[in-house]
């Protein structure tokens, strides 16, 4: 029989089955608590350090993604406004039958007889640029008209007229 060292003051006695079950449950709970606390103490710092290390390794990609997200967020109101305007023009075209994107038709007996589509678009743009609107809504209407004519020019395959700014041509 093995010899066991028993500390002084500890009394050994036999326990019942109910007491044994209660003691086993208590030890099990203590073990689970220590496991979860150890997992937190070891796992959390590991995750933080790993995240920091990954962020450092992929810092350039993260920076590019953040810049792209910022650019997208800044352009979102403009894109939403442009989308609303596009739909408004489509609805207006269906209701009125007037297509602001189209060039002036080349009817016989007019100055447009025998001109190309691009030349007619150029005439339309010049006439829009000549307008001198006074009220803000008139300025907006002229600007939208110019925008629609430029869109039509691009669809027709025309080159950029010299009097149109490059940023406006690119924006369409």
C-alpha atoms as a PDB file:
ATOM      1  CA  UNK A   1       0.000   0.000   0.000  1.00  0.00           C
ATOM      2  CA  UNK A   2       1.350   3.414  -1.026  1.00  0.00           C
ATOM      3  CA  UNK A   3       2.164   5.978   1.614  1.00  0.00           C
ATOM      4  CA  UNK A   4       0.564   9.379   1.193  1.00  0.00           C
ATOM      5  CA  UNK A   5       1.566  12.545   2.989  1.00  0.00           C
ATOM      6  CA  UNK A   6      -1.437  14.165   4.592  1.00  0.00           C
ATOM      7  CA  UNK A   7      -1.077  17.721   5.822  1.00  0.00           C
ATOM      8  CA  UNK A   8      -1.602  18.321   9.528  1.00  0.00           C
ATOM      9  CA  UNK A   9      -5.128  19.438  10.346  1.00  0.00           C
ATOM     10  CA  UNK A  10      -6.734  17.666   7.404  1.00  0.00           C
ATOM     11  CA  UNK A  11      -9.136  14.998   8.413  1.00  0.00           C
ATOM     12  CA  UNK A  12      -9.949  12.110   6.103  1.00  0.00           C
ATOM     13  CA  UNK A  13     -13.370  10.617   6.189  1.00  0.00           C
ATOM     14  CA  UNK A  14     -15.635   8.710   3.913  1.00  0.00           C
ATOM     15  CA  UNK A  15     -18.214  10.718   1.910  1.00  0.00           C
ATOM     16  CA  UNK A  16     -21.598   9.676   0.660  1.00  0.00           C
ATOM     17  CA  UNK A  17     -22.572   9.341  -3.001  1.00  0.00           C
ATOM     18  CA  UNK A  18     -24.546  12.636  -2.906  1.00  0.00           C
ATOM     19  CA  UNK A  19     -21.554  14.463  -1.402  1.00  0.00           C
ATOM     20  CA  UNK A  20     -19.262  12.904  -4.039  1.00  0.00           C
ATOM     21  CA  UNK A  21     -21.551  14.064  -6.860  1.00  0.00           C
ATOM     22  CA  UNK A  22     -21.672  17.602  -5.428  1.00  0.00           C
ATOM     23  CA  UNK A  23     -17.871  17.655  -5.053  1.00  0.00           C
ATOM     24  CA  UNK A  24     -17.433  16.411  -8.643  1.00  0.00           C
ATOM     25  CA  UNK A  25     -19.778  19.150  -9.960  1.00  0.00           C
ATOM     26  CA  UNK A  26     -17.902  21.805  -7.975  1.00  0.00           C
ATOM     27  CA  UNK A  27     -14.527  20.630  -9.330  1.00  0.00           C
ATOM     28  CA  UNK A  28     -15.965  20.512 -12.857  1.00  0.00           C
ATOM     29  CA  UNK A  29     -17.229  24.110 -12.596  1.00  0.00           C
ATOM     30  CA  UNK A  30     -13.890  25.272 -11.250  1.00  0.00           C
ATOM     31  CA  UNK A  31     -12.135  23.532 -14.126  1.00  0.00           C
ATOM     32  CA  UNK A  32     -14.440  25.161 -16.722  1.00  0.00           C
ATOM     33  CA  UNK A  33     -13.974  28.579 -15.157  1.00  0.00           C
ATOM     34  CA  UNK A  34     -10.230  28.215 -15.178  1.00  0.00           C
ATOM     35  CA  UNK A  35     -10.331  27.028 -18.806  1.00  0.00           C
ATOM     36  CA  UNK A  36     -12.405  30.022 -19.918  1.00  0.00           C
ATOM     37  CA  UNK A  37     -10.257  32.484 -17.976  1.00  0.00           C
ATOM     38  CA  UNK A  38      -7.107  30.905 -19.419  1.00  0.00           C
ATOM     39  CA  UNK A  39      -8.618  31.096 -22.896  1.00  0.00           C
ATOM     40  CA  UNK A  40      -9.319  34.795 -22.378  1.00  0.00           C
ATOM     41  CA  UNK A  41      -5.897  35.466 -20.922  1.00  0.00           C
ATOM     42  CA  UNK A  42      -4.109  33.663 -23.747  1.00  0.00           C
ATOM     43  CA  UNK A  43      -6.519  33.961 -26.665  1.00  0.00           C
ATOM     44  CA  UNK A  44      -7.432  37.641 -26.519  1.00  0.00           C
ATOM     45  CA  UNK A  45      -3.873  38.985 -26.568  1.00  0.00           C
ATOM     46  CA  UNK A  46      -3.015  36.497 -29.312  1.00  0.00           C
ATOM     47  CA  UNK A  47      -5.900  37.752 -31.452  1.00  0.00           C
ATOM     48  CA  UNK A  48      -4.957  41.387 -30.850  1.00  0.00           C
ATOM     49  CA  UNK A  49      -1.287  40.813 -31.648  1.00  0.00           C
ATOM     50  CA  UNK A  50      -2.214  38.739 -34.700  1.00  0.00           C
ATOM     51  CA  UNK A  51      -4.575  41.464 -35.920  1.00  0.00           C
ATOM     52  CA  UNK A  52      -1.921  44.135 -35.474  1.00  0.00           C
ATOM     53  CA  UNK A  53       0.621  41.965 -37.290  1.00  0.00           C
ATOM     54  CA  UNK A  54      -1.775  41.368 -40.196  1.00  0.00           C
ATOM     55  CA  UNK A  55      -2.596  45.071 -40.359  1.00  0.00           C
ATOM     56  CA  UNK A  56       1.102  45.873 -40.532  1.00  0.00           C
ATOM     57  CA  UNK A  57       1.765  43.264 -43.217  1.00  0.00           C
ATOM     58  CA  UNK A  58      -1.186  44.393 -45.351  1.00  0.00           C
ATOM     59  CA  UNK A  59      -0.972  48.100 -44.532  1.00  0.00           C
ATOM     60  CA  UNK A  60      -0.621  49.182 -48.171  1.00  0.00           C
ATOM     61  CA  UNK A  61      -3.665  47.189 -49.297  1.00  0.00           C
ATOM     62  CA  UNK A  62      -5.692  48.449 -46.343  1.00  0.00           C
ATOM     63  CA  UNK A  63      -4.683  52.026 -47.123  1.00  0.00           C
ATOM     64  CA  UNK A  64      -5.747  51.618 -50.772  1.00  0.00           C
ATOM     65  CA  UNK A  65      -9.090  50.121 -49.741  1.00  0.00           C
ATOM     66  CA  UNK A  66      -9.721  52.940 -47.289  1.00  0.00           C
ATOM     67  CA  UNK A  67      -8.877  55.525 -49.954  1.00  0.00           C
ATOM     68  CA  UNK A  68     -11.224  53.811 -52.429  1.00  0.00           C
ATOM     69  CA  UNK A  69     -13.990  53.716 -49.821  1.00  0.00           C
ATOM     70  CA  UNK A  70     -13.488  57.421 -49.034  1.00  0.00           C
ATOM     71  CA  UNK A  71     -13.598  58.280 -52.746  1.00  0.00           C
ATOM     72  CA  UNK A  72     -16.760  56.211 -53.212  1.00  0.00           C
ATOM     73  CA  UNK A  73     -18.456  57.836 -50.209  1.00  0.00           C
ATOM     74  CA  UNK A  74     -17.547  61.318 -51.444  1.00  0.00           C
ATOM     75  CA  UNK A  75     -18.910  60.551 -54.938  1.00  0.00           C
ATOM     76  CA  UNK A  76     -22.099  58.890 -53.681  1.00  0.00           C
ATOM     77  CA  UNK A  77     -24.249  62.059 -53.408  1.00  0.00           C
ATOM     78  CA  UNK A  78     -23.163  63.158 -56.896  1.00  0.00           C
ATOM     79  CA  UNK A  79     -23.931  59.735 -58.342  1.00  0.00           C
ATOM     80  CA  UNK A  80     -27.322  59.671 -56.621  1.00  0.00           C
ATOM     81  CA  UNK A  81     -28.135  63.162 -57.936  1.00  0.00           C
ATOM     82  CA  UNK A  82     -26.987  62.187 -61.434  1.00  0.00           C
ATOM     83  CA  UNK A  83     -29.133  59.046 -61.310  1.00  0.00           C
ATOM     84  CA  UNK A  84     -32.181  61.074 -60.318  1.00  0.00           C
ATOM     85  CA  UNK A  85     -31.550  63.525 -63.171  1.00  0.00           C
ATOM     86  CA  UNK A  86     -31.138  60.657 -65.646  1.00  0.00           C
ATOM     87  CA  UNK A  87     -34.467  59.167 -64.607  1.00  0.00           C
ATOM     88  CA  UNK A  88     -36.086  62.596 -64.804  1.00  0.00           C
ATOM     89  CA  UNK A  89     -34.888  63.025 -68.386  1.00  0.00           C
ATOM     90  CA  UNK A  90     -36.182  59.565 -69.295  1.00  0.00           C
ATOM     91  CA  UNK A  91     -39.599  60.335 -67.813  1.00  0.00           C
ATOM     92  CA  UNK A  92     -39.639  63.746 -69.510  1.00  0.00           C
ATOM     93  CA  UNK A  93     -38.768  62.145 -72.848  1.00  0.00           C
ATOM     94  CA  UNK A  94     -41.619  59.656 -72.490  1.00  0.00           C
ATOM     95  CA  UNK A  95     -44.136  62.327 -71.500  1.00  0.00           C
ATOM     96  CA  UNK A  96     -43.179  65.067 -73.960  1.00  0.00           C
ATOM     97  CA  UNK A  97     -41.470  63.106 -76.731  1.00  0.00           C
ATOM     98  CA  UNK A  98     -38.558  65.610 -76.683  1.00  0.00           C
ATOM     99  CA  UNK A  99     -35.120  64.035 -76.560  1.00  0.00           C
ATOM    100  CA  UNK A 100     -32.579  66.545 -75.276  1.00  0.00           C
ATOM    101  CA  UNK A 101     -29.824  64.099 -76.086  1.00  0.00           C
ATOM    102  CA  UNK A 102     -30.576  64.146 -79.817  1.00  0.00           C
ATOM    103  CA  UNK A 103     -29.039  66.599 -82.254  1.00  0.00           C
ATOM    104  CA  UNK A 104     -31.112  69.101 -84.178  1.00  0.00           C
ATOM    105  CA  UNK A 105     -32.685  67.195 -87.087  1.00  0.00           C
ATOM    106  CA  UNK A 106     -31.279  67.861 -90.564  1.00  0.00           C
ATOM    107  CA  UNK A 107     -34.411  68.936 -92.390  1.00  0.00           C
ATOM    108  CA  UNK A 108     -34.357  70.099 -95.992  1.00  0.00           C
ATOM    109  CA  UNK A 109     -34.284  73.818 -96.628  1.00  0.00           C
ATOM    110  CA  UNK A 110     -32.440  74.672 -93.384  1.00  0.00           C
ATOM    111  CA  UNK A 111     -28.840  75.395 -92.506  1.00  0.00           C
ATOM    112  CA  UNK A 112     -28.584  71.819 -91.282  1.00  0.00           C
ATOM    113  CA  UNK A 113     -29.185  70.304 -94.707  1.00  0.00           C
ATOM    114  CA  UNK A 114     -26.214  68.101 -95.601  1.00  0.00           C
ATOM    115  CA  UNK A 115     -24.447  68.438 -92.211  1.00  0.00           C
ATOM    116  CA  UNK A 116     -23.162  65.554 -90.119  1.00  0.00           C
ATOM    117  CA  UNK A 117     -24.585  64.610 -86.747  1.00  0.00           C
ATOM    118  CA  UNK A 118     -21.448  65.865 -85.020  1.00  0.00           C
ATOM    119  CA  UNK A 119     -21.750  69.266 -86.711  1.00  0.00           C
ATOM    120  CA  UNK A 120     -25.375  69.556 -85.596  1.00  0.00           C
ATOM    121  CA  UNK A 121     -24.367  68.658 -82.029  1.00  0.00           C
ATOM    122  CA  UNK A 122     -21.696  71.346 -82.249  1.00  0.00           C
ATOM    123  CA  UNK A 123     -24.300  73.903 -83.334  1.00  0.00           C
ATOM    124  CA  UNK A 124     -26.588  72.888 -80.457  1.00  0.00           C
ATOM    125  CA  UNK A 125     -23.737  73.226 -77.968  1.00  0.00           C
ATOM    126  CA  UNK A 126     -22.713  76.642 -79.279  1.00  0.00           C
ATOM    127  CA  UNK A 127     -26.298  77.876 -78.991  1.00  0.00           C
ATOM    128  CA  UNK A 128     -26.462  76.574 -75.395  1.00  0.00           C
ATOM    129  CA  UNK A 129     -23.107  78.178 -74.515  1.00  0.00           C
ATOM    130  CA  UNK A 130     -24.339  81.516 -75.983  1.00  0.00           C
ATOM    131  CA  UNK A 131     -27.253  81.726 -73.578  1.00  0.00           C
ATOM    132  CA  UNK A 132     -26.841  84.129 -70.707  1.00  0.00           C
ATOM    133  CA  UNK A 133     -29.217  82.855 -68.021  1.00  0.00           C
ATOM    134  CA  UNK A 134     -30.080  85.216 -65.207  1.00  0.00           C
ATOM    135  CA  UNK A 135     -31.924  83.026 -62.726  1.00  0.00           C
ATOM    136  CA  UNK A 136     -30.277  80.039 -60.999  1.00  0.00           C
ATOM    137  CA  UNK A 137     -32.801  77.554 -62.395  1.00  0.00           C
ATOM    138  CA  UNK A 138     -32.067  78.853 -65.904  1.00  0.00           C
ATOM    139  CA  UNK A 139     -28.353  78.236 -65.331  1.00  0.00           C
ATOM    140  CA  UNK A 140     -29.138  74.715 -64.146  1.00  0.00           C
ATOM    141  CA  UNK A 141     -31.323  74.079 -67.202  1.00  0.00           C
ATOM    142  CA  UNK A 142     -28.579  75.270 -69.582  1.00  0.00           C
ATOM    143  CA  UNK A 143     -25.978  73.158 -67.770  1.00  0.00           C
ATOM    144  CA  UNK A 144     -28.186  70.084 -67.942  1.00  0.00           C
ATOM    145  CA  UNK A 145     -28.870  70.745 -71.620  1.00  0.00           C
ATOM    146  CA  UNK A 146     -25.133  70.948 -72.325  1.00  0.00           C
ATOM    147  CA  UNK A 147     -24.607  67.737 -70.411  1.00  0.00           C
ATOM    148  CA  UNK A 148     -27.270  65.910 -72.409  1.00  0.00           C
ATOM    149  CA  UNK A 149     -25.852  67.152 -75.740  1.00  0.00           C
ATOM    150  CA  UNK A 150     -22.366  65.986 -74.722  1.00  0.00           C
ATOM    151  CA  UNK A 151     -23.799  62.571 -73.830  1.00  0.00           C
ATOM    152  CA  UNK A 152     -25.411  62.378 -77.261  1.00  0.00           C
ATOM    153  CA  UNK A 153     -22.130  63.380 -78.914  1.00  0.00           C
ATOM    154  CA  UNK A 154     -20.256  60.607 -77.131  1.00  0.00           C
ATOM    155  CA  UNK A 155     -22.907  58.061 -78.098  1.00  0.00           C
ATOM    156  CA  UNK A 156     -22.701  59.185 -81.718  1.00  0.00           C
ATOM    157  CA  UNK A 157     -18.916  58.786 -81.671  1.00  0.00           C
ATOM    158  CA  UNK A 158     -18.091  62.456 -82.125  1.00  0.00           C
ATOM    159  CA  UNK A 159     -14.795  63.928 -80.945  1.00  0.00           C
ATOM    160  CA  UNK A 160     -14.593  66.512 -78.158  1.00  0.00           C
ATOM    161  CA  UNK A 161     -15.192  70.050 -79.416  1.00  0.00           C
ATOM    162  CA  UNK A 162     -12.341  72.452 -78.587  1.00  0.00           C
ATOM    163  CA  UNK A 163     -14.574  74.788 -76.575  1.00  0.00           C
ATOM    164  CA  UNK A 164     -15.691  72.032 -74.173  1.00  0.00           C
ATOM    165  CA  UNK A 165     -13.573  71.574 -71.055  1.00  0.00           C
ATOM    166  CA  UNK A 166     -11.952  68.159 -70.731  1.00  0.00           C
ATOM    167  CA  UNK A 167     -13.367  67.607 -67.213  1.00  0.00           C
ATOM    168  CA  UNK A 168     -16.916  68.144 -68.521  1.00  0.00           C
ATOM    169  CA  UNK A 169     -16.279  65.782 -71.444  1.00  0.00           C
ATOM    170  CA  UNK A 170     -14.898  63.117 -69.089  1.00  0.00           C
ATOM    171  CA  UNK A 171     -17.723  63.546 -66.596  1.00  0.00           C
ATOM    172  CA  UNK A 172     -20.425  62.714 -69.139  1.00  0.00           C
END
